[in-house]
Protein backbone atom coordinates (compact mmCIF):
# COMPACT_ATOMS: atom_id res chain seq x y z
CA MET A 1 1.91 4.94 20.61
CA PRO A 2 1.91 8.00 19.95
CA ALA A 3 2.30 7.79 16.30
CA THR A 4 2.99 4.44 14.78
CA ILE A 5 3.80 3.85 11.01
CA VAL A 6 2.39 0.70 9.53
CA LEU A 7 3.79 -0.25 5.98
CA GLY A 8 4.76 -3.04 3.82
CA ALA A 9 8.02 -4.69 3.85
CA GLN A 10 7.71 -6.36 0.61
CA TRP A 11 6.04 -5.57 -2.76
CA GLY A 12 2.78 -4.71 -1.37
CA ASP A 13 -0.32 -6.80 -0.62
CA GLU A 14 1.30 -7.91 2.53
CA GLY A 15 -1.90 -7.72 4.65
CA LYS A 16 -1.61 -4.00 5.97
CA ALA A 17 -5.22 -3.48 6.39
CA LYS A 18 -5.88 -6.41 8.77
CA VAL A 19 -2.85 -5.15 10.95
CA VAL A 20 -4.06 -1.54 10.92
CA ASP A 21 -7.68 -2.64 11.75
CA TYR A 22 -6.45 -4.78 14.60
CA LEU A 23 -4.28 -1.89 15.82
CA THR A 24 -6.91 0.76 15.49
CA ARG A 25 -8.51 -0.44 18.81
CA ASP A 26 -5.67 1.27 20.59
CA ALA A 27 -5.76 4.28 18.24
CA ASP A 28 -7.64 7.58 18.09
CA ILE A 29 -6.85 8.61 14.30
CA VAL A 30 -5.67 6.43 11.41
CA ALA A 31 -4.11 8.40 8.52
CA ARG A 32 -3.19 7.26 4.88
CA PHE A 33 -0.01 9.17 3.93
CA GLN A 34 0.72 8.40 0.30
CA GLY A 35 -0.55 6.47 -2.87
CA GLY A 36 -3.97 6.56 -4.09
CA ALA A 37 -6.86 4.30 -5.45
CA ASN A 38 -4.24 1.91 -6.76
CA ALA A 39 -4.14 0.43 -3.33
CA GLY A 40 -6.55 -2.32 -2.35
CA HIS A 41 -6.77 -2.87 1.47
CA THR A 42 -9.11 -5.70 2.48
CA VAL A 43 -10.45 -6.28 6.04
CA GLN A 44 -12.69 -9.07 7.16
CA VAL A 45 -15.31 -8.25 9.82
CA GLY A 46 -17.39 -11.13 10.85
CA ASP A 47 -19.08 -12.41 7.60
CA THR A 48 -18.47 -8.80 5.82
CA GLN A 49 -15.36 -8.07 3.64
CA PHE A 50 -14.40 -4.36 3.13
CA ILE A 51 -12.00 -3.45 0.44
CA PHE A 52 -10.63 0.19 0.77
CA HIS A 53 -8.74 1.97 -1.89
CA LEU A 54 -8.40 5.37 -0.16
CA ILE A 55 -10.18 5.67 3.11
CA PRO A 56 -8.03 4.29 6.06
CA SER A 57 -8.75 0.85 7.21
CA GLY A 58 -9.71 1.82 10.81
CA ILE A 59 -12.91 3.48 9.65
CA MET A 60 -15.09 0.50 10.80
CA HIS A 61 -14.29 1.18 14.30
CA PRO A 62 -16.98 3.52 15.87
CA GLY A 63 -15.47 6.78 17.28
CA LYS A 64 -12.33 6.61 15.50
CA SER A 65 -11.42 9.38 13.07
CA CYS A 66 -9.54 8.65 9.83
CA VAL A 67 -7.41 11.11 7.52
CA VAL A 68 -6.49 11.25 3.89
CA GLY A 69 -3.14 12.97 4.01
CA ASN A 70 -1.47 15.49 1.72
CA GLY A 71 0.82 12.84 0.21
CA VAL A 72 -2.11 10.93 -1.21
CA VAL A 73 -3.39 11.47 -4.64
CA LEU A 74 -7.22 11.50 -4.21
CA ASP A 75 -9.43 10.14 -6.92
CA PRO A 76 -12.75 11.99 -6.01
CA GLU A 77 -15.02 9.53 -7.73
CA ALA A 78 -13.38 6.48 -5.86
CA ALA A 79 -13.57 8.46 -2.57
CA ILE A 80 -17.26 9.17 -2.93
CA THR A 81 -17.87 5.56 -3.99
CA GLU A 82 -16.26 4.11 -0.84
CA ILE A 83 -18.25 6.55 1.36
CA GLU A 84 -21.39 5.44 -0.14
CA ASP A 85 -20.46 1.86 0.08
CA LEU A 86 -19.77 2.35 3.78
CA ALA A 87 -22.99 4.01 4.19
CA ALA A 88 -24.91 1.28 2.64
CA LYS A 89 -23.21 -1.08 5.06
CA GLY A 90 -24.21 1.10 7.97
CA ILE A 91 -21.10 2.82 8.48
CA SER A 92 -21.20 6.69 8.50
CA VAL A 93 -17.99 8.64 7.96
CA GLU A 94 -19.49 12.09 8.95
CA GLY A 95 -17.51 13.93 11.52
CA ARG A 96 -14.89 10.95 11.35
CA LEU A 97 -13.31 11.48 7.84
CA PHE A 98 -11.01 14.29 7.01
CA ILE A 99 -9.20 14.86 3.58
CA SER A 100 -6.13 17.14 3.42
CA GLN A 101 -6.76 20.25 1.44
CA ASN A 102 -3.34 19.87 -0.07
CA ALA A 103 -3.65 16.51 -1.54
CA HIS A 104 -3.53 16.43 -5.33
CA VAL A 105 -6.57 15.23 -7.31
CA VAL A 106 -6.61 12.40 -9.96
CA MET A 107 -8.46 13.90 -12.83
CA PRO A 108 -10.11 11.90 -15.84
CA TYR A 109 -7.17 12.80 -18.04
CA HIS A 110 -4.77 11.32 -15.65
CA LYS A 111 -6.29 7.93 -16.09
CA LEU A 112 -6.59 8.36 -19.84
CA PHE A 113 -2.78 9.11 -20.04
CA ASP A 114 -1.98 6.05 -17.81
CA ARG A 115 -3.69 3.85 -20.17
CA LEU A 116 -2.43 5.27 -23.22
CA GLY A 117 1.20 5.39 -21.93
CA GLU A 118 1.10 1.74 -21.03
CA GLU A 119 -0.29 0.79 -24.59
CA ARG A 120 2.55 2.94 -26.13
CA GLN A 121 5.17 0.96 -24.10
CA GLY A 122 4.06 -2.35 -25.54
CA THR A 123 5.95 -5.26 -24.04
CA ASP A 124 8.01 -3.06 -21.99
CA LYS A 125 5.03 -1.68 -20.06
CA LEU A 126 5.45 -1.16 -16.09
CA GLY A 127 2.10 -2.98 -15.33
CA THR A 128 0.24 0.04 -13.63
CA THR A 129 -3.13 -0.34 -12.29
CA GLY A 130 -4.40 2.21 -14.84
CA ARG A 131 -5.86 4.39 -11.95
CA GLY A 132 -3.96 7.49 -12.94
CA ILE A 133 -1.51 7.67 -10.19
CA GLY A 134 1.73 8.11 -11.93
CA PRO A 135 0.31 10.96 -14.24
CA ALA A 136 -1.25 12.62 -11.25
CA TYR A 137 2.18 12.70 -9.22
CA ARG A 138 3.93 13.71 -12.42
CA ASP A 139 1.64 16.89 -12.77
CA LYS A 140 2.19 17.53 -9.08
CA VAL A 141 5.91 17.51 -9.27
CA GLU A 142 5.85 19.47 -12.52
CA ARG A 143 3.93 22.30 -10.44
CA THR A 144 2.51 23.76 -13.45
CA TRP A 145 -0.66 21.38 -13.97
CA GLY A 146 -1.49 19.93 -10.51
CA ILE A 147 -5.05 20.29 -9.20
CA ARG A 148 -5.34 20.20 -5.24
CA VAL A 149 -8.29 19.44 -3.17
CA MET A 150 -8.41 22.99 -2.06
CA ASP A 151 -9.12 23.89 -5.85
CA LEU A 152 -12.19 21.88 -6.09
CA LEU A 153 -13.80 24.12 -3.64
CA ASP A 154 -13.03 27.39 -5.36
CA GLU A 155 -15.23 27.20 -8.54
CA PRO A 156 -13.98 30.38 -10.60
CA LEU A 157 -10.26 29.26 -9.99
CA LEU A 158 -11.15 25.65 -10.68
CA GLN A 159 -12.71 26.64 -14.14
CA THR A 160 -9.53 28.60 -15.13
CA ARG A 161 -7.07 26.10 -14.02
CA VAL A 162 -8.81 23.04 -15.52
CA ALA A 163 -9.44 24.97 -18.71
CA ALA A 164 -5.76 25.58 -19.11
CA VAL A 165 -4.59 22.19 -18.10
CA VAL A 166 -7.04 20.48 -20.64
CA GLU A 167 -5.86 22.79 -23.37
CA GLU A 168 -2.27 21.54 -22.88
CA LYS A 169 -3.19 17.98 -22.31
CA ASN A 170 -5.34 17.98 -25.68
CA ARG A 171 -2.16 19.03 -27.59
CA VAL A 172 -0.24 16.16 -26.27
CA LEU A 173 -3.29 13.76 -26.94
CA THR A 174 -3.85 14.96 -30.43
CA ARG A 175 -0.27 15.20 -31.52
CA LEU A 176 1.45 12.33 -29.64
CA TYR A 177 -1.23 9.78 -29.33
CA ASP A 178 -3.68 10.69 -32.29
CA HIS A 179 -6.63 10.81 -29.72
CA ALA A 180 -9.58 12.83 -29.82
CA PRO A 181 -9.35 16.09 -27.67
CA LEU A 182 -11.16 16.15 -24.25
CA ASP A 183 -14.14 18.39 -23.38
CA ALA A 184 -12.81 20.91 -20.65
CA ALA A 185 -16.39 21.78 -19.88
CA ASP A 186 -17.37 18.17 -18.92
CA ILE A 187 -14.30 17.70 -16.76
CA ILE A 188 -15.04 21.09 -15.02
CA ARG A 189 -18.64 20.12 -14.57
CA GLY A 190 -17.52 16.94 -12.79
CA ALA A 191 -14.60 18.45 -10.67
CA VAL A 192 -17.17 21.14 -9.35
CA GLU A 193 -19.65 18.64 -8.28
CA TYR A 194 -16.91 16.41 -6.55
CA GLY A 195 -15.88 19.60 -4.66
CA GLN A 196 -19.31 20.30 -3.52
CA ARG A 197 -19.85 16.55 -2.36
CA LEU A 198 -16.35 16.49 -0.46
CA ARG A 199 -16.34 19.83 1.00
CA MET A 200 -17.42 18.82 4.34
CA TYR A 201 -14.53 16.44 4.79
CA VAL A 202 -11.74 18.91 3.63
CA THR A 203 -9.51 20.62 6.19
CA ASP A 204 -5.83 21.28 7.12
CA THR A 205 -4.94 17.65 8.16
CA SER A 206 -1.40 18.56 9.18
CA GLN A 207 -2.66 20.86 11.70
CA LEU A 208 -5.19 18.29 12.94
CA LEU A 209 -2.67 15.45 13.32
CA ASN A 210 -0.28 17.80 15.05
CA ASP A 211 -2.95 19.11 17.38
CA ALA A 212 -4.12 15.51 18.34
CA LEU A 213 -0.34 14.53 19.12
CA SER A 214 -0.03 17.34 21.32
CA ALA A 215 -3.18 16.52 23.15
CA GLY A 216 -1.87 12.94 23.81
CA LYS A 217 -3.95 11.21 21.01
CA ASN A 218 -2.56 7.92 19.42
CA ILE A 219 -2.26 7.94 15.65
CA LEU A 220 -1.58 4.99 13.29
CA LEU A 221 -0.06 6.10 9.83
CA GLU A 222 -1.12 3.70 7.27
CA GLY A 223 1.10 3.13 4.20
CA ALA A 224 -0.06 1.77 0.72
CA GLN A 225 2.03 -0.72 -1.44
CA GLY A 226 5.26 -1.68 -0.23
CA THR A 227 8.98 -0.88 0.46
CA LEU A 228 10.21 -2.73 -2.74
CA LEU A 229 7.72 -0.36 -4.66
CA ASP A 230 9.20 2.81 -3.27
CA ILE A 231 10.10 5.46 -5.90
CA ASP A 232 13.71 5.96 -4.33
CA HIS A 233 14.40 2.53 -2.66
CA GLY A 234 12.39 0.03 -4.67
CA THR A 235 12.85 -2.16 -7.87
CA TYR A 236 13.03 0.88 -10.21
CA PRO A 237 11.56 1.55 -12.67
CA PHE A 238 8.86 -1.14 -11.54
CA VAL A 239 7.87 0.93 -8.65
CA THR A 240 4.88 3.23 -7.77
CA SER A 241 5.18 6.97 -7.87
CA SER A 242 5.40 7.78 -4.32
CA ASN A 243 7.55 7.10 -1.15
CA THR A 244 6.07 4.14 0.43
CA THR A 245 8.80 4.21 3.24
CA ALA A 246 8.69 5.66 6.63
CA GLY A 247 10.14 8.91 5.55
CA GLY A 248 7.06 9.27 3.37
CA ALA A 249 4.74 9.05 6.37
CA CYS A 250 6.07 12.40 7.75
CA THR A 251 5.93 14.18 4.50
CA GLY A 252 2.79 12.56 3.43
CA ALA A 253 1.06 13.29 6.70
CA GLY A 254 2.69 16.75 7.66
CA ILE A 255 4.27 15.57 11.06
CA GLY A 256 7.61 15.58 12.03
CA PRO A 257 10.09 12.52 12.53
CA THR A 258 10.40 13.07 16.27
CA ARG A 259 6.84 12.41 16.69
CA ILE A 260 7.26 8.76 15.50
CA ASP A 261 7.38 6.21 18.14
CA ALA A 262 7.46 2.86 16.22
CA VAL A 263 7.63 1.51 12.73
CA ILE A 264 5.85 -1.79 12.05
CA GLY A 265 6.67 -3.70 8.81
CA VAL A 266 4.04 -5.90 7.47
CA THR A 267 5.41 -8.97 5.73
CA LYS A 268 3.80 -12.30 4.38
CA ALA A 269 5.22 -15.61 5.60
CA TYR A 270 6.10 -15.97 1.88
CA THR A 271 6.42 -13.30 -0.94
CA THR A 272 4.17 -12.11 -3.62
CA ARG A 273 4.33 -9.21 -6.18
CA VAL A 274 1.78 -7.91 -8.80
CA GLY A 275 2.93 -6.61 -12.18
CA ASN A 276 6.24 -6.53 -13.94
CA GLY A 277 9.78 -6.53 -12.46
CA PRO A 278 12.32 -8.60 -10.99
CA PHE A 279 11.45 -11.17 -8.51
CA PRO A 280 14.29 -13.52 -7.38
CA THR A 281 12.20 -16.14 -5.34
CA GLU A 282 9.32 -16.39 -7.77
CA LEU A 283 7.86 -19.88 -8.14
CA THR A 284 6.59 -20.39 -11.80
CA GLY A 285 5.45 -24.10 -11.39
CA THR A 286 2.87 -25.92 -9.51
CA THR A 287 4.21 -24.92 -6.01
CA GLY A 288 3.65 -21.18 -6.94
CA GLU A 289 0.20 -21.93 -8.26
CA ARG A 290 -0.73 -23.92 -5.20
CA ILE A 291 0.43 -20.99 -2.81
CA ARG A 292 -1.71 -18.65 -5.07
CA GLU A 293 -4.70 -20.68 -4.62
CA LEU A 294 -4.52 -21.51 -0.98
CA GLY A 295 -3.75 -17.68 -0.30
CA HIS A 296 -6.40 -16.58 -2.79
CA GLU A 297 -3.83 -14.34 -4.16
CA TYR A 298 -5.51 -11.97 -6.69
CA GLY A 299 -5.14 -8.41 -6.58
CA ALA A 300 -7.98 -6.44 -4.55
CA THR A 301 -7.91 -3.56 -6.91
CA THR A 302 -7.31 -5.32 -10.37
CA GLY A 303 -8.09 -8.86 -9.80
CA ARG A 304 -4.77 -9.77 -11.36
CA PRO A 305 -3.22 -13.11 -10.09
CA ARG A 306 -0.18 -12.38 -7.92
CA ARG A 307 3.22 -13.83 -8.54
CA CYS A 308 4.19 -16.09 -5.56
CA GLY A 309 7.48 -17.11 -4.26
CA TRP A 310 9.28 -18.20 -1.16
CA PHE A 311 10.29 -15.68 1.69
CA ASP A 312 13.03 -13.42 0.69
CA ALA A 313 14.79 -12.38 3.71
CA VAL A 314 17.20 -10.06 1.59
CA ILE A 315 14.21 -7.70 0.66
CA VAL A 316 12.81 -7.59 4.24
CA ARG A 317 16.50 -6.70 5.50
CA LEU A 318 16.35 -3.71 3.01
CA ALA A 319 12.83 -2.82 4.43
CA ALA A 320 14.20 -2.97 8.03
CA ARG A 321 17.30 -0.57 7.08
CA VAL A 322 15.45 1.95 4.95
CA ASN A 323 12.42 2.08 7.41
CA GLY A 324 14.09 1.76 10.62
CA LEU A 325 11.74 -0.98 11.39
CA THR A 326 11.00 -1.63 15.21
CA SER A 327 9.06 -5.01 14.64
CA LEU A 328 7.24 -7.21 12.02
CA ALA A 329 3.82 -8.04 11.56
CA LEU A 330 3.92 -11.57 9.83
CA THR A 331 0.77 -12.48 8.04
CA ARG A 332 -0.60 -15.37 6.19
CA LEU A 333 1.36 -18.02 8.07
CA ASP A 334 -1.87 -20.19 7.82
CA VAL A 335 -1.54 -20.31 4.19
CA LEU A 336 1.57 -22.50 4.59
CA ASP A 337 -0.16 -25.02 6.86
CA THR A 338 -0.37 -27.84 4.31
CA VAL A 339 2.92 -27.19 2.62
CA GLU A 340 5.24 -30.20 3.41
CA LYS A 341 8.63 -28.45 2.58
CA LEU A 342 9.40 -24.66 2.90
CA LYS A 343 12.23 -22.58 1.56
CA VAL A 344 13.86 -19.40 2.73
CA CYS A 345 16.03 -17.09 0.68
CA ILE A 346 18.88 -16.14 2.82
CA ALA A 347 21.05 -14.42 0.22
CA TYR A 348 21.59 -14.12 -3.57
CA ARG A 349 24.20 -15.72 -5.67
CA ARG A 350 25.58 -13.89 -8.70
CA GLY A 351 28.26 -15.75 -10.56
CA GLY A 352 30.83 -16.72 -7.79
CA ASP A 353 29.65 -13.90 -5.36
CA VAL A 354 27.19 -14.35 -2.65
CA LEU A 355 25.11 -11.10 -1.80
CA GLU A 356 23.47 -10.81 1.65
CA GLU A 357 22.21 -7.32 0.92
CA PHE A 358 19.79 -6.29 -1.68
CA PRO A 359 21.70 -4.73 -4.96
CA GLY A 360 20.37 -1.45 -6.24
CA ASP A 361 21.23 -2.08 -9.69
CA PRO A 362 18.21 -3.76 -11.43
CA GLN A 363 20.74 -5.52 -13.90
CA VAL A 364 22.47 -7.02 -11.19
CA LEU A 365 19.43 -8.08 -9.38
CA GLY A 366 18.28 -9.90 -12.71
CA GLU A 367 21.41 -11.96 -12.61
CA CYS A 368 20.95 -12.88 -9.03
CA ARG A 369 19.55 -16.34 -7.92
CA PRO A 370 18.31 -17.17 -4.54
CA VAL A 371 20.36 -19.02 -1.86
CA TYR A 372 17.95 -21.31 0.10
CA GLU A 373 17.52 -22.80 3.33
CA GLU A 374 14.95 -25.64 3.46
CA TRP A 375 12.60 -26.19 6.36
CA ASP A 376 10.05 -28.92 7.26
CA GLY A 377 6.47 -27.69 7.31
CA TRP A 378 4.02 -28.16 10.30
CA CYS A 379 1.18 -29.80 8.22
CA THR A 380 -1.43 -28.94 10.69
CA SER A 381 -3.91 -25.99 10.90
CA THR A 382 -2.99 -22.82 12.69
CA ARG A 383 -6.27 -21.03 12.11
CA ASP A 384 -7.53 -21.47 15.64
CA VAL A 385 -4.20 -20.74 17.34
CA ARG A 386 -4.12 -17.47 19.43
CA ARG A 387 -1.05 -17.92 21.57
CA TYR A 388 2.36 -18.16 20.28
CA ALA A 389 3.24 -21.13 22.52
CA ASP A 390 0.45 -23.21 20.80
CA LEU A 391 1.76 -22.91 17.48
CA PRO A 392 3.28 -26.20 16.13
CA PRO A 393 7.09 -26.44 17.04
CA GLN A 394 8.02 -26.37 13.14
CA ALA A 395 5.89 -23.12 12.86
CA ARG A 396 7.67 -21.32 15.71
CA ASP A 397 11.01 -22.46 14.31
CA TYR A 398 10.00 -20.89 11.11
CA VAL A 399 8.90 -17.65 12.62
CA GLU A 400 11.94 -17.31 14.50
CA ARG A 401 14.31 -17.94 11.82
CA LEU A 402 12.28 -15.16 9.69
CA SER A 403 12.87 -12.76 12.38
CA ALA A 404 16.39 -13.57 12.88
CA LEU A 405 17.28 -13.32 8.99
CA SER A 406 15.09 -10.13 8.89
CA ARG A 407 17.06 -8.77 11.94
CA THR A 408 13.75 -7.38 13.20
CA PRO A 409 11.54 -9.15 16.28
CA VAL A 410 8.29 -10.41 15.24
CA GLN A 411 5.33 -8.42 17.12
CA MET A 412 2.33 -9.89 15.72
CA ILE A 413 1.33 -13.02 13.73
CA SER A 414 -1.91 -13.38 11.55
CA VAL A 415 -3.32 -16.92 10.96
CA GLY A 416 -6.43 -15.92 9.10
CA PRO A 417 -8.24 -12.99 7.50
CA GLU A 418 -10.63 -12.49 10.65
CA ARG A 419 -9.87 -9.67 12.98
CA ASP A 420 -9.37 -12.14 15.91
CA ALA A 421 -7.23 -14.60 14.02
CA THR A 422 -4.10 -12.88 15.50
CA ILE A 423 -1.28 -13.65 17.87
CA ILE A 424 0.25 -11.09 19.86
CA MET A 425 3.91 -11.74 20.94
CA ASP A 426 4.85 -11.21 24.60
């Protein structure tokens, strides 16, 4: 590799987990570098489905190590639940799971403030998952109130810090939200217990990853969400609270950019989005509903129906630019097997202007309408295809057009949720 980044090239839910699971066979370590339990990564192994929110998707491979990096905001309760669920399915993480001591912790009051903040916004809400991610990152950046994983391991320090934070949070809760104050003692007891249960996994993961690279090990860096949800480059303010792009992989894992060998952007053969915000190619009629049902497009974390639309080459070109993509992994091609006519957005039209690059101004984006090319569908199953040459000619034409429009070569094609339902390009 030696270090390869796998990230979303759309608005998330692109199928990153399957791509990471497939590539893990050639990796030694898989590391999550940002986000939190708001991400839902689904992997199908045989008849068993795994949904991960914090633990990297490569954990099912025996002998592979997994890292939760410093850029992640860790929900201890969610992490422990995932560890227990894996154990119930016969998968032990002991000696294979490592959690950064520098990662910030999602505390109970973060989830409460997330919910109250959304309710206060009313019809202008952002559509968060309610997992406390934004409030946790806010406390991290404000520097005064952040709790890190290392703090969970120092009970006297933890008691002092949490008591001070809860006192401050209660002022806001009671005065701004007219909400009952929180009990600091209960929160401290829970945090101490989480620290005791997670202690065995906590380490300096930056040192671990850099030592592994120096020893010639191969590392996969797994992103959550997608490029268009990046706090700096996404459709602000309808974004997440972290850097989902390739630069975030370096800061969120603690390795230098010169260690990165490749950046793989994962994109569906169409486009989906969860939550609010602009979506130029969104289909609001029966075609969108049909794609949603064919693709089972419901959020792995929230269960919310995903908004569905045609492939948008403009946003994938943005992803290629800001991430320096070296290749694409194209997923869900099989979902389009029965769609007779396909459309691909090649540019946007705004008034009399045609825009081939993504506009950063959300007001301009809201005024844009897609410029489409229309393609014939292949109307035959691709689920059993394992070689690119065996795809129907119309499917190959479609893939090659998406690659050309995205200005990025396609390296991998997924034609089903199973691990082996994958085509690797020569």
